[in-house]
Amino acid sequence: MSDIIAADQLRLFIERIERLEEEKKGIADDVKDVYAEAKSNGYDTKTMRAIVRLRRMEKHARDEAEALLDTYKAALGLA
């Protein structure tokens, strides 16, 4: 009996994961559409993606990454 219950529970987990993966794909497609719309309005999507990445970071991590980038740029004569 416990094998049947375990199999049913496993099937439910798998179905939930499949539904969530499908939702994730739909959201990814929506994000892609927004970037395409922004690009058609003249925005640089590479820069927009960089800004989105920066906004996800905590302030201290962002400050640290920017300081390191500045250090590397200075070392290569790009500053």
N, C-alpha and C. Protein backbone atom coordinates (compact mmCIF):
# COMPACT_ATOMS: atom_id res chain seq x y z
N MET A 1 0.82 -1.20 0.00
CA MET A 1 0.00 0.00 0.00
C MET A 1 0.86 1.26 0.00
N SER A 2 1.94 1.26 0.77
CA SER A 2 2.79 2.46 0.84
C SER A 2 3.48 2.73 -0.50
N ASP A 3 3.73 1.68 -1.29
CA ASP A 3 4.32 1.87 -2.62
C ASP A 3 3.37 2.63 -3.53
N ILE A 4 2.09 2.34 -3.43
CA ILE A 4 1.09 3.04 -4.24
C ILE A 4 1.00 4.50 -3.82
N ILE A 5 0.99 4.74 -2.52
CA ILE A 5 0.93 6.11 -2.01
C ILE A 5 2.18 6.87 -2.44
N ALA A 6 3.34 6.27 -2.31
CA ALA A 6 4.58 6.93 -2.69
C ALA A 6 4.59 7.23 -4.18
N ALA A 7 4.11 6.30 -5.00
CA ALA A 7 4.07 6.53 -6.44
C ALA A 7 3.11 7.66 -6.78
N ASP A 8 1.96 7.71 -6.12
CA ASP A 8 1.00 8.80 -6.35
C ASP A 8 1.59 10.14 -5.94
N GLN A 9 2.27 10.16 -4.80
CA GLN A 9 2.88 11.41 -4.34
C GLN A 9 3.97 11.86 -5.31
N LEU A 10 4.78 10.92 -5.76
CA LEU A 10 5.84 11.24 -6.72
C LEU A 10 5.24 11.79 -8.01
N ARG A 11 4.20 11.16 -8.51
CA ARG A 11 3.53 11.62 -9.73
C ARG A 11 3.03 13.06 -9.55
N LEU A 12 2.45 13.36 -8.38
CA LEU A 12 1.95 14.71 -8.12
C LEU A 12 3.09 15.73 -8.10
N PHE A 13 4.20 15.35 -7.48
CA PHE A 13 5.37 16.26 -7.49
C PHE A 13 5.84 16.52 -8.91
N ILE A 14 5.95 15.46 -9.70
CA ILE A 14 6.41 15.60 -11.09
C ILE A 14 5.45 16.49 -11.88
N GLU A 15 4.15 16.29 -11.72
CA GLU A 15 3.17 17.11 -12.44
C GLU A 15 3.25 18.57 -12.02
N ARG A 16 3.47 18.82 -10.72
CA ARG A 16 3.62 20.21 -10.26
C ARG A 16 4.84 20.85 -10.89
N ILE A 17 5.94 20.11 -10.91
CA ILE A 17 7.18 20.63 -11.50
C ILE A 17 6.97 20.92 -12.98
N GLU A 18 6.30 20.02 -13.68
CA GLU A 18 6.04 20.24 -15.10
C GLU A 18 5.19 21.49 -15.33
N ARG A 19 4.18 21.70 -14.51
CA ARG A 19 3.34 22.91 -14.63
C ARG A 19 4.17 24.17 -14.38
N LEU A 20 5.00 24.12 -13.34
CA LEU A 20 5.83 25.29 -13.03
C LEU A 20 6.85 25.56 -14.12
N GLU A 21 7.42 24.51 -14.69
CA GLU A 21 8.37 24.69 -15.79
C GLU A 21 7.68 25.34 -16.99
N GLU A 22 6.45 24.95 -17.26
CA GLU A 22 5.69 25.54 -18.36
C GLU A 22 5.40 27.01 -18.08
N GLU A 23 5.04 27.32 -16.82
CA GLU A 23 4.81 28.72 -16.45
C GLU A 23 6.09 29.53 -16.59
N LYS A 24 7.20 28.93 -16.17
CA LYS A 24 8.50 29.61 -16.27
C LYS A 24 8.83 29.92 -17.72
N LYS A 25 8.56 28.97 -18.61
CA LYS A 25 8.81 29.18 -20.04
C LYS A 25 7.94 30.32 -20.56
N GLY A 26 6.68 30.36 -20.13
CA GLY A 26 5.79 31.44 -20.54
C GLY A 26 6.28 32.79 -20.08
N ILE A 27 6.75 32.86 -18.84
CA ILE A 27 7.28 34.11 -18.31
C ILE A 27 8.55 34.51 -19.05
N ALA A 28 9.42 33.55 -19.35
CA ALA A 28 10.65 33.85 -20.10
C ALA A 28 10.30 34.40 -21.47
N ASP A 29 9.27 33.84 -22.10
CA ASP A 29 8.83 34.36 -23.40
C ASP A 29 8.31 35.79 -23.27
N ASP A 30 7.59 36.06 -22.18
CA ASP A 30 7.09 37.42 -21.94
C ASP A 30 8.24 38.41 -21.76
N VAL A 31 9.25 38.00 -21.00
CA VAL A 31 10.42 38.87 -20.79
C VAL A 31 11.11 39.14 -22.12
N LYS A 32 11.25 38.11 -22.93
CA LYS A 32 11.87 38.26 -24.26
C LYS A 32 11.07 39.26 -25.09
N ASP A 33 9.75 39.18 -25.02
CA ASP A 33 8.90 40.13 -25.77
C ASP A 33 9.10 41.56 -25.30
N VAL A 34 9.26 41.75 -23.99
CA VAL A 34 9.47 43.11 -23.45
C VAL A 34 10.80 43.66 -23.96
N TYR A 35 11.84 42.82 -23.94
CA TYR A 35 13.13 43.28 -24.47
C TYR A 35 13.02 43.62 -25.96
N ALA A 36 12.30 42.83 -26.71
CA ALA A 36 12.11 43.10 -28.14
C ALA A 36 11.38 44.42 -28.34
N GLU A 37 10.37 44.67 -27.52
CA GLU A 37 9.62 45.93 -27.61
C GLU A 37 10.52 47.11 -27.27
N ALA A 38 11.33 46.95 -26.23
CA ALA A 38 12.25 48.03 -25.84
C ALA A 38 13.24 48.30 -26.96
N LYS A 39 13.75 47.23 -27.57
CA LYS A 39 14.71 47.38 -28.67
C LYS A 39 14.07 48.11 -29.84
N SER A 40 12.82 47.79 -30.14
CA SER A 40 12.14 48.44 -31.25
C SER A 40 11.87 49.92 -30.97
N ASN A 41 11.94 50.29 -29.68
CA ASN A 41 11.79 51.69 -29.30
C ASN A 41 13.13 52.39 -29.13
N GLY A 42 14.21 51.72 -29.56
CA GLY A 42 15.52 52.36 -29.57
C GLY A 42 16.39 52.13 -28.35
N TYR A 43 15.96 51.30 -27.41
CA TYR A 43 16.75 51.04 -26.22
C TYR A 43 17.76 49.93 -26.48
N ASP A 44 18.91 50.02 -25.81
CA ASP A 44 19.95 49.01 -25.93
C ASP A 44 19.67 47.91 -24.91
N THR A 45 19.29 46.74 -25.42
CA THR A 45 18.86 45.67 -24.52
C THR A 45 20.03 45.05 -23.74
N LYS A 46 21.22 45.09 -24.29
CA LYS A 46 22.37 44.58 -23.55
C LYS A 46 22.59 45.42 -22.28
N THR A 47 22.47 46.72 -22.42
CA THR A 47 22.62 47.61 -21.27
C THR A 47 21.45 47.41 -20.30
N MET A 48 20.26 47.24 -20.83
CA MET A 48 19.11 47.00 -19.96
C MET A 48 19.29 45.73 -19.15
N ARG A 49 19.80 44.67 -19.79
CA ARG A 49 20.04 43.41 -19.06
C ARG A 49 21.07 43.61 -17.96
N ALA A 50 22.09 44.41 -18.23
CA ALA A 50 23.12 44.70 -17.22
C ALA A 50 22.49 45.44 -16.04
N ILE A 51 21.61 46.39 -16.32
CA ILE A 51 20.94 47.13 -15.25
C ILE A 51 20.05 46.20 -14.42
N VAL A 52 19.32 45.32 -15.09
CA VAL A 52 18.48 44.36 -14.36
C VAL A 52 19.34 43.50 -13.44
N ARG A 53 20.50 43.03 -13.95
CA ARG A 53 21.41 42.23 -13.11
C ARG A 53 21.88 43.04 -11.90
N LEU A 54 22.25 44.30 -12.13
CA LEU A 54 22.72 45.14 -11.03
C LEU A 54 21.63 45.38 -10.00
N ARG A 55 20.41 45.59 -10.45
CA ARG A 55 19.31 45.86 -9.52
C ARG A 55 18.97 44.63 -8.67
N ARG A 56 19.27 43.43 -9.18
CA ARG A 56 19.04 42.20 -8.40
C ARG A 56 20.04 42.06 -7.26
N MET A 57 21.20 42.66 -7.42
CA MET A 57 22.27 42.51 -6.44
C MET A 57 22.01 43.38 -5.21
N GLU A 58 22.49 42.90 -4.09
CA GLU A 58 22.46 43.72 -2.87
C GLU A 58 23.44 44.88 -3.07
N LYS A 59 23.17 46.00 -2.40
CA LYS A 59 23.99 47.19 -2.60
C LYS A 59 25.46 46.92 -2.33
N HIS A 60 25.77 46.23 -1.24
CA HIS A 60 27.19 45.99 -0.93
C HIS A 60 27.86 45.12 -2.00
N ALA A 61 27.15 44.16 -2.54
CA ALA A 61 27.71 43.31 -3.60
C ALA A 61 27.90 44.12 -4.88
N ARG A 62 26.94 44.99 -5.17
CA ARG A 62 27.03 45.85 -6.36
C ARG A 62 28.21 46.80 -6.23
N ASP A 63 28.36 47.41 -5.04
CA ASP A 63 29.49 48.33 -4.80
C ASP A 63 30.82 47.61 -4.95
N GLU A 64 30.89 46.39 -4.42
CA GLU A 64 32.12 45.60 -4.51
C GLU A 64 32.45 45.26 -5.96
N ALA A 65 31.44 44.85 -6.73
CA ALA A 65 31.65 44.51 -8.14
C ALA A 65 32.09 45.74 -8.93
N GLU A 66 31.47 46.89 -8.67
CA GLU A 66 31.84 48.11 -9.39
C GLU A 66 33.25 48.56 -9.03
N ALA A 67 33.64 48.40 -7.75
CA ALA A 67 35.00 48.77 -7.33
C ALA A 67 36.02 47.86 -8.00
N LEU A 68 35.72 46.58 -8.09
CA LEU A 68 36.62 45.64 -8.74
C LEU A 68 36.73 45.95 -10.24
N LEU A 69 35.62 46.27 -10.87
CA LEU A 69 35.63 46.64 -12.27
C LEU A 69 36.49 47.89 -12.48
N ASP A 70 36.33 48.88 -11.61
CA ASP A 70 37.14 50.10 -11.71
C ASP A 70 38.63 49.78 -11.56
N THR A 71 38.97 48.88 -10.62
CA THR A 71 40.36 48.49 -10.41
C THR A 71 40.93 47.83 -11.66
N TYR A 72 40.18 46.92 -12.25
CA TYR A 72 40.62 46.23 -13.47
C TYR A 72 40.76 47.22 -14.63
N LYS A 73 39.80 48.12 -14.76
CA LYS A 73 39.87 49.12 -15.84
C LYS A 73 41.09 49.98 -15.68
N ALA A 74 41.38 50.41 -14.45
CA ALA A 74 42.54 51.24 -14.21
C ALA A 74 43.83 50.47 -14.53
N ALA A 75 43.87 49.22 -14.16
CA ALA A 75 45.08 48.40 -14.41
C ALA A 75 45.32 48.24 -15.91
N LEU A 76 44.26 48.27 -16.70
CA LEU A 76 44.39 48.10 -18.15
C LEU A 76 44.40 49.42 -18.90
N GLY A 77 44.41 50.54 -18.15
CA GLY A 77 44.46 51.84 -18.79
C GLY A 77 43.15 52.27 -19.44
N LEU A 78 42.05 51.72 -18.96
CA LEU A 78 40.74 52.04 -19.54
C LEU A 78 39.99 53.09 -18.70
N ALA A 79 40.55 53.48 -17.59
CA ALA A 79 39.85 54.42 -16.70
C ALA A 79 40.12 55.85 -17.08
